[in-house]
Amino acid sequence: QVQLVESGGGLVQAGGSLRLSCAASGFIFSPNDMGWYRQAPGKQRELVAEITSNGSTNYADSVKGRFTVSRDNAKKMVYLQMNSLKPEDTGRYYCNVNLKYRGGFWGQGTQVTVSS
């Protein structure tokens, strides 16, 4: 079955950095686009960054220049490097894949808390 397992969250001071990881299994990884989303308390889940199968990237305006998404197809991993973190980056971060014919899948998420 499809599994996405996020890790790397934690508590960090404003201005600090974290690197999130997402381990994927149960599907053919390399041809699929992957995304990172986040959800803050009381808010809707929003797209943070995405990376296509050929390595093209797209970012939410709020994180451009601070976050970098990458992937390692051999390891079936997706990463989100987060620098210059702000309190408004606080939330639960989720890894996502949308598979043709199988639908969308989410991990359990990893909590990121940025203190001011």
N, C-alpha and C. Protein backbone atom coordinates (compact mmCIF):
# COMPACT_ATOMS: atom_id res chain seq x y z
N GLN A 1 0.83 -1.18 0.00
CA GLN A 1 0.00 0.00 0.00
C GLN A 1 0.88 1.25 0.00
N VAL A 2 0.29 2.34 -0.44
CA VAL A 2 1.03 3.59 -0.50
C VAL A 2 1.28 4.11 0.92
N GLN A 3 2.52 4.48 1.17
CA GLN A 3 2.88 5.07 2.46
C GLN A 3 3.76 6.28 2.23
N LEU A 4 3.48 7.33 2.97
CA LEU A 4 4.31 8.53 3.00
C LEU A 4 4.59 8.81 4.47
N VAL A 5 5.86 8.85 4.84
CA VAL A 5 6.23 9.03 6.24
C VAL A 5 7.13 10.26 6.35
N GLU A 6 6.59 11.28 7.01
CA GLU A 6 7.34 12.52 7.20
C GLU A 6 8.14 12.48 8.50
N SER A 7 9.23 13.21 8.50
CA SER A 7 10.05 13.35 9.70
C SER A 7 10.83 14.66 9.62
N GLY A 8 11.41 15.05 10.74
CA GLY A 8 12.28 16.21 10.75
C GLY A 8 11.71 17.46 11.37
N GLY A 9 10.44 17.42 11.76
CA GLY A 9 9.85 18.59 12.40
C GLY A 9 10.40 18.81 13.79
N GLY A 10 10.00 19.92 14.38
CA GLY A 10 10.45 20.23 15.73
C GLY A 10 10.18 21.66 16.10
N LEU A 11 10.76 22.06 17.22
CA LEU A 11 10.63 23.42 17.73
C LEU A 11 11.91 24.17 17.40
N VAL A 12 11.77 25.33 16.78
CA VAL A 12 12.93 26.11 16.39
C VAL A 12 12.63 27.59 16.60
N GLN A 13 13.65 28.36 16.88
CA GLN A 13 13.47 29.80 17.02
C GLN A 13 13.36 30.47 15.66
N ALA A 14 12.70 31.60 15.64
CA ALA A 14 12.60 32.38 14.40
C ALA A 14 14.00 32.64 13.86
N GLY A 15 14.13 32.50 12.54
CA GLY A 15 15.42 32.64 11.90
C GLY A 15 16.18 31.35 11.73
N GLY A 16 15.71 30.31 12.39
CA GLY A 16 16.38 29.02 12.32
C GLY A 16 15.99 28.22 11.10
N SER A 17 16.50 26.99 11.07
CA SER A 17 16.30 26.11 9.91
C SER A 17 15.86 24.72 10.35
N LEU A 18 15.13 24.07 9.48
CA LEU A 18 14.77 22.67 9.65
C LEU A 18 14.78 22.02 8.28
N ARG A 19 15.02 20.71 8.27
CA ARG A 19 14.93 19.95 7.03
C ARG A 19 13.94 18.81 7.23
N LEU A 20 12.86 18.85 6.48
CA LEU A 20 11.86 17.80 6.54
C LEU A 20 12.16 16.74 5.49
N SER A 21 11.83 15.51 5.84
CA SER A 21 12.01 14.40 4.92
C SER A 21 10.70 13.64 4.78
N CYS A 22 10.50 13.07 3.61
CA CYS A 22 9.33 12.24 3.36
C CYS A 22 9.79 10.97 2.66
N ALA A 23 9.57 9.84 3.30
CA ALA A 23 9.93 8.54 2.73
C ALA A 23 8.69 7.93 2.09
N ALA A 24 8.81 7.60 0.81
CA ALA A 24 7.68 7.09 0.04
C ALA A 24 7.86 5.61 -0.26
N SER A 25 6.74 4.90 -0.27
CA SER A 25 6.77 3.48 -0.63
C SER A 25 5.40 3.08 -1.16
N GLY A 26 5.36 1.93 -1.84
CA GLY A 26 4.09 1.40 -2.31
C GLY A 26 3.65 1.89 -3.67
N PHE A 27 4.49 2.67 -4.35
CA PHE A 27 4.17 3.12 -5.70
C PHE A 27 5.48 3.43 -6.42
N ILE A 28 5.37 3.56 -7.74
CA ILE A 28 6.55 3.89 -8.53
C ILE A 28 6.83 5.38 -8.36
N PHE A 29 7.92 5.68 -7.70
CA PHE A 29 8.17 7.04 -7.22
C PHE A 29 8.56 8.02 -8.33
N SER A 30 9.53 7.65 -9.16
CA SER A 30 10.18 8.63 -10.03
C SER A 30 9.24 9.34 -11.02
N PRO A 31 8.19 8.72 -11.54
CA PRO A 31 7.36 9.44 -12.52
C PRO A 31 6.33 10.38 -11.90
N ASN A 32 6.26 10.41 -10.58
CA ASN A 32 5.20 11.16 -9.92
C ASN A 32 5.67 12.47 -9.31
N ASP A 33 4.81 13.50 -9.46
CA ASP A 33 5.05 14.77 -8.80
C ASP A 33 4.77 14.61 -7.31
N MET A 34 5.52 15.34 -6.50
CA MET A 34 5.36 15.26 -5.04
C MET A 34 5.15 16.66 -4.48
N GLY A 35 4.38 16.74 -3.39
CA GLY A 35 4.11 18.04 -2.81
C GLY A 35 4.27 18.06 -1.31
N TRP A 36 4.57 19.24 -0.79
CA TRP A 36 4.56 19.51 0.64
C TRP A 36 3.44 20.51 0.92
N TYR A 37 2.61 20.19 1.90
CA TYR A 37 1.53 21.07 2.33
C TYR A 37 1.71 21.33 3.82
N ARG A 38 1.02 22.36 4.30
CA ARG A 38 1.01 22.61 5.74
C ARG A 38 -0.38 23.06 6.16
N GLN A 39 -0.64 22.83 7.43
CA GLN A 39 -1.92 23.25 8.01
C GLN A 39 -1.67 23.83 9.38
N ALA A 40 -2.04 25.09 9.54
CA ALA A 40 -1.95 25.75 10.84
C ALA A 40 -3.28 25.59 11.55
N PRO A 41 -3.29 25.67 12.88
CA PRO A 41 -4.54 25.53 13.63
C PRO A 41 -5.59 26.53 13.15
N GLY A 42 -6.78 26.02 12.85
CA GLY A 42 -7.87 26.86 12.44
C GLY A 42 -7.81 27.32 11.00
N LYS A 43 -6.83 26.83 10.25
CA LYS A 43 -6.68 27.24 8.86
C LYS A 43 -6.75 26.04 7.93
N GLN A 44 -7.00 26.32 6.67
CA GLN A 44 -7.05 25.26 5.67
C GLN A 44 -5.64 24.80 5.32
N ARG A 45 -5.55 23.56 4.88
CA ARG A 45 -4.27 23.04 4.41
C ARG A 45 -3.89 23.79 3.13
N GLU A 46 -2.63 24.16 3.03
CA GLU A 46 -2.17 24.93 1.88
C GLU A 46 -0.91 24.32 1.28
N LEU A 47 -0.77 24.51 -0.02
CA LEU A 47 0.43 24.04 -0.71
C LEU A 47 1.63 24.91 -0.31
N VAL A 48 2.72 24.26 0.05
CA VAL A 48 3.96 24.97 0.38
C VAL A 48 4.92 24.89 -0.80
N ALA A 49 5.14 23.69 -1.30
CA ALA A 49 6.09 23.49 -2.40
C ALA A 49 5.76 22.19 -3.10
N GLU A 50 6.11 22.13 -4.37
CA GLU A 50 5.93 20.90 -5.12
C GLU A 50 7.10 20.72 -6.07
N ILE A 51 7.34 19.46 -6.40
CA ILE A 51 8.43 19.14 -7.31
C ILE A 51 7.93 18.08 -8.29
N THR A 52 8.11 18.35 -9.56
CA THR A 52 7.63 17.44 -10.58
C THR A 52 8.59 16.27 -10.78
N SER A 53 8.17 15.35 -11.61
CA SER A 53 8.99 14.17 -11.87
C SER A 53 10.33 14.54 -12.52
N ASN A 54 10.34 15.64 -13.25
CA ASN A 54 11.60 16.05 -13.91
C ASN A 54 12.37 17.08 -13.11
N GLY A 55 11.92 17.36 -11.89
CA GLY A 55 12.66 18.24 -11.00
C GLY A 55 12.26 19.70 -11.01
N SER A 56 11.26 20.06 -11.78
CA SER A 56 10.76 21.43 -11.73
C SER A 56 10.07 21.69 -10.41
N THR A 57 10.21 22.90 -9.91
CA THR A 57 9.67 23.22 -8.59
C THR A 57 8.72 24.41 -8.64
N ASN A 58 7.85 24.45 -7.63
CA ASN A 58 6.90 25.55 -7.50
C ASN A 58 6.72 25.81 -6.01
N TYR A 59 6.64 27.09 -5.63
CA TYR A 59 6.55 27.44 -4.21
C TYR A 59 5.42 28.42 -3.96
N ALA A 60 4.87 28.34 -2.76
CA ALA A 60 3.96 29.38 -2.32
C ALA A 60 4.74 30.68 -2.18
N ASP A 61 4.07 31.78 -2.48
CA ASP A 61 4.75 33.08 -2.42
C ASP A 61 5.37 33.33 -1.05
N SER A 62 4.71 32.85 -0.01
CA SER A 62 5.14 33.12 1.36
C SER A 62 6.46 32.44 1.72
N VAL A 63 6.88 31.45 0.93
CA VAL A 63 8.11 30.71 1.28
C VAL A 63 9.19 30.85 0.22
N LYS A 64 8.89 31.53 -0.87
CA LYS A 64 9.89 31.68 -1.94
C LYS A 64 11.15 32.35 -1.41
N GLY A 65 12.29 31.79 -1.78
CA GLY A 65 13.56 32.32 -1.33
C GLY A 65 14.01 31.81 0.02
N ARG A 66 13.13 31.11 0.73
CA ARG A 66 13.47 30.58 2.06
C ARG A 66 13.44 29.05 2.09
N PHE A 67 12.52 28.45 1.35
CA PHE A 67 12.36 27.00 1.34
C PHE A 67 12.85 26.42 0.01
N THR A 68 13.37 25.21 0.08
CA THR A 68 13.82 24.51 -1.11
C THR A 68 13.34 23.06 -1.06
N VAL A 69 12.63 22.65 -2.10
CA VAL A 69 12.16 21.27 -2.19
C VAL A 69 13.10 20.50 -3.12
N SER A 70 13.37 19.26 -2.76
CA SER A 70 14.23 18.41 -3.59
C SER A 70 13.76 16.96 -3.47
N ARG A 71 14.29 16.13 -4.34
CA ARG A 71 13.91 14.72 -4.31
C ARG A 71 15.11 13.86 -4.66
N ASP A 72 15.09 12.64 -4.15
CA ASP A 72 16.10 11.62 -4.47
C ASP A 72 15.33 10.40 -4.95
N ASN A 73 15.28 10.23 -6.25
CA ASN A 73 14.47 9.14 -6.80
C ASN A 73 15.02 7.77 -6.42
N ALA A 74 16.32 7.65 -6.29
CA ALA A 74 16.91 6.36 -5.93
C ALA A 74 16.50 5.94 -4.52
N LYS A 75 16.36 6.91 -3.63
CA LYS A 75 15.99 6.61 -2.24
C LYS A 75 14.49 6.76 -2.01
N LYS A 76 13.76 7.22 -3.01
CA LYS A 76 12.31 7.46 -2.87
C LYS A 76 12.05 8.44 -1.73
N MET A 77 12.77 9.54 -1.76
CA MET A 77 12.67 10.54 -0.70
C MET A 77 12.38 11.92 -1.30
N VAL A 78 11.64 12.71 -0.55
CA VAL A 78 11.41 14.11 -0.86
C VAL A 78 11.83 14.91 0.37
N TYR A 79 12.45 16.05 0.12
CA TYR A 79 12.95 16.87 1.22
C TYR A 79 12.40 18.29 1.11
N LEU A 80 12.31 18.94 2.25
CA LEU A 80 11.97 20.35 2.28
C LEU A 80 12.95 21.03 3.23
N GLN A 81 13.87 21.79 2.66
CA GLN A 81 14.80 22.58 3.45
C GLN A 81 14.16 23.92 3.75
N MET A 82 14.03 24.23 5.03
CA MET A 82 13.35 25.45 5.45
C MET A 82 14.34 26.33 6.19
N ASN A 83 14.63 27.47 5.63
CA ASN A 83 15.54 28.44 6.25
C ASN A 83 14.81 29.71 6.61
N SER A 84 15.42 30.50 7.46
CA SER A 84 14.84 31.79 7.88
C SER A 84 13.39 31.62 8.31
N LEU A 85 13.18 30.64 9.16
CA LEU A 85 11.82 30.32 9.58
C LEU A 85 11.19 31.46 10.36
N LYS A 86 9.89 31.59 10.15
CA LYS A 86 9.11 32.63 10.81
C LYS A 86 8.01 31.98 11.65
N PRO A 87 7.51 32.68 12.67
CA PRO A 87 6.41 32.11 13.46
C PRO A 87 5.21 31.71 12.60
N GLU A 88 4.97 32.43 11.52
CA GLU A 88 3.83 32.09 10.67
C GLU A 88 4.06 30.82 9.85
N ASP A 89 5.25 30.25 9.90
CA ASP A 89 5.50 28.96 9.27
C ASP A 89 5.06 27.79 10.16
N THR A 90 4.64 28.10 11.37
CA THR A 90 4.19 27.06 12.29
C THR A 90 2.99 26.31 11.73
N GLY A 91 3.03 25.00 11.85
CA GLY A 91 1.93 24.16 11.39
C GLY A 91 2.36 22.72 11.25
N ARG A 92 1.42 21.90 10.84
CA ARG A 92 1.75 20.51 10.58
C ARG A 92 2.01 20.38 9.08
N TYR A 93 3.14 19.78 8.75
CA TYR A 93 3.57 19.67 7.37
C TYR A 93 3.34 18.24 6.86
N TYR A 94 2.73 18.18 5.69
CA TYR A 94 2.33 16.90 5.11
C TYR A 94 2.97 16.70 3.74
N CYS A 95 3.32 15.48 3.48
CA CYS A 95 3.79 15.05 2.16
C CYS A 95 2.59 14.52 1.38
N ASN A 96 2.57 14.77 0.08
CA ASN A 96 1.41 14.39 -0.74
C ASN A 96 1.85 13.86 -2.10
N VAL A 97 1.10 12.88 -2.56
CA VAL A 97 1.25 12.41 -3.94
C VAL A 97 -0.15 12.13 -4.51
N ASN A 98 -0.36 12.47 -5.76
CA ASN A 98 -1.59 12.15 -6.45
C ASN A 98 -1.28 11.16 -7.55
N LEU A 99 -1.79 9.95 -7.39
CA LEU A 99 -1.47 8.88 -8.34
C LEU A 99 -2.61 8.70 -9.33
N LYS A 100 -2.23 8.63 -10.60
CA LYS A 100 -3.22 8.38 -11.63
C LYS A 100 -3.89 7.04 -11.36
N TYR A 101 -5.21 7.02 -11.40
CA TYR A 101 -6.05 5.84 -11.18
C TYR A 101 -6.17 5.43 -9.71
N ARG A 102 -5.31 5.98 -8.80
CA ARG A 102 -5.36 5.54 -7.41
C ARG A 102 -5.73 6.66 -6.45
N GLY A 103 -5.68 7.89 -6.93
CA GLY A 103 -6.09 8.99 -6.08
C GLY A 103 -4.95 9.62 -5.30
N GLY A 104 -5.33 10.49 -4.37
CA GLY A 104 -4.35 11.23 -3.57
C GLY A 104 -4.05 10.55 -2.25
N PHE A 105 -2.80 10.71 -1.80
CA PHE A 105 -2.37 10.12 -0.55
C PHE A 105 -1.59 11.14 0.27
N TRP A 106 -1.74 11.00 1.60
CA TRP A 106 -1.09 11.91 2.54
C TRP A 106 -0.32 11.11 3.58
N GLY A 107 0.74 11.71 4.09
CA GLY A 107 1.39 11.14 5.25
C GLY A 107 0.68 11.59 6.52
N GLN A 108 1.25 11.21 7.66
CA GLN A 108 0.63 11.58 8.94
C GLN A 108 1.03 12.98 9.37
N GLY A 109 2.04 13.53 8.71
CA GLY A 109 2.47 14.88 9.00
C GLY A 109 3.55 14.94 10.07
N THR A 110 4.25 16.07 10.07
CA THR A 110 5.26 16.34 11.10
C THR A 110 5.08 17.79 11.55
N GLN A 111 5.11 18.00 12.85
CA GLN A 111 4.82 19.31 13.43
C GLN A 111 6.05 20.21 13.39
N VAL A 112 5.84 21.42 12.92
CA VAL A 112 6.87 22.46 12.93
C VAL A 112 6.34 23.62 13.76
N THR A 113 7.11 24.00 14.77
CA THR A 113 6.73 25.12 15.61
C THR A 113 7.89 26.11 15.64
N VAL A 114 7.58 27.34 15.26
CA VAL A 114 8.61 28.39 15.22
C VAL A 114 8.27 29.42 16.29
N SER A 115 9.16 29.58 17.23
CA SER A 115 8.92 30.54 18.32
C SER A 115 9.52 31.89 17.96
N SER A 116 8.87 32.92 18.47
CA SER A 116 9.35 34.29 18.17
C SER A 116 10.37 34.76 19.18
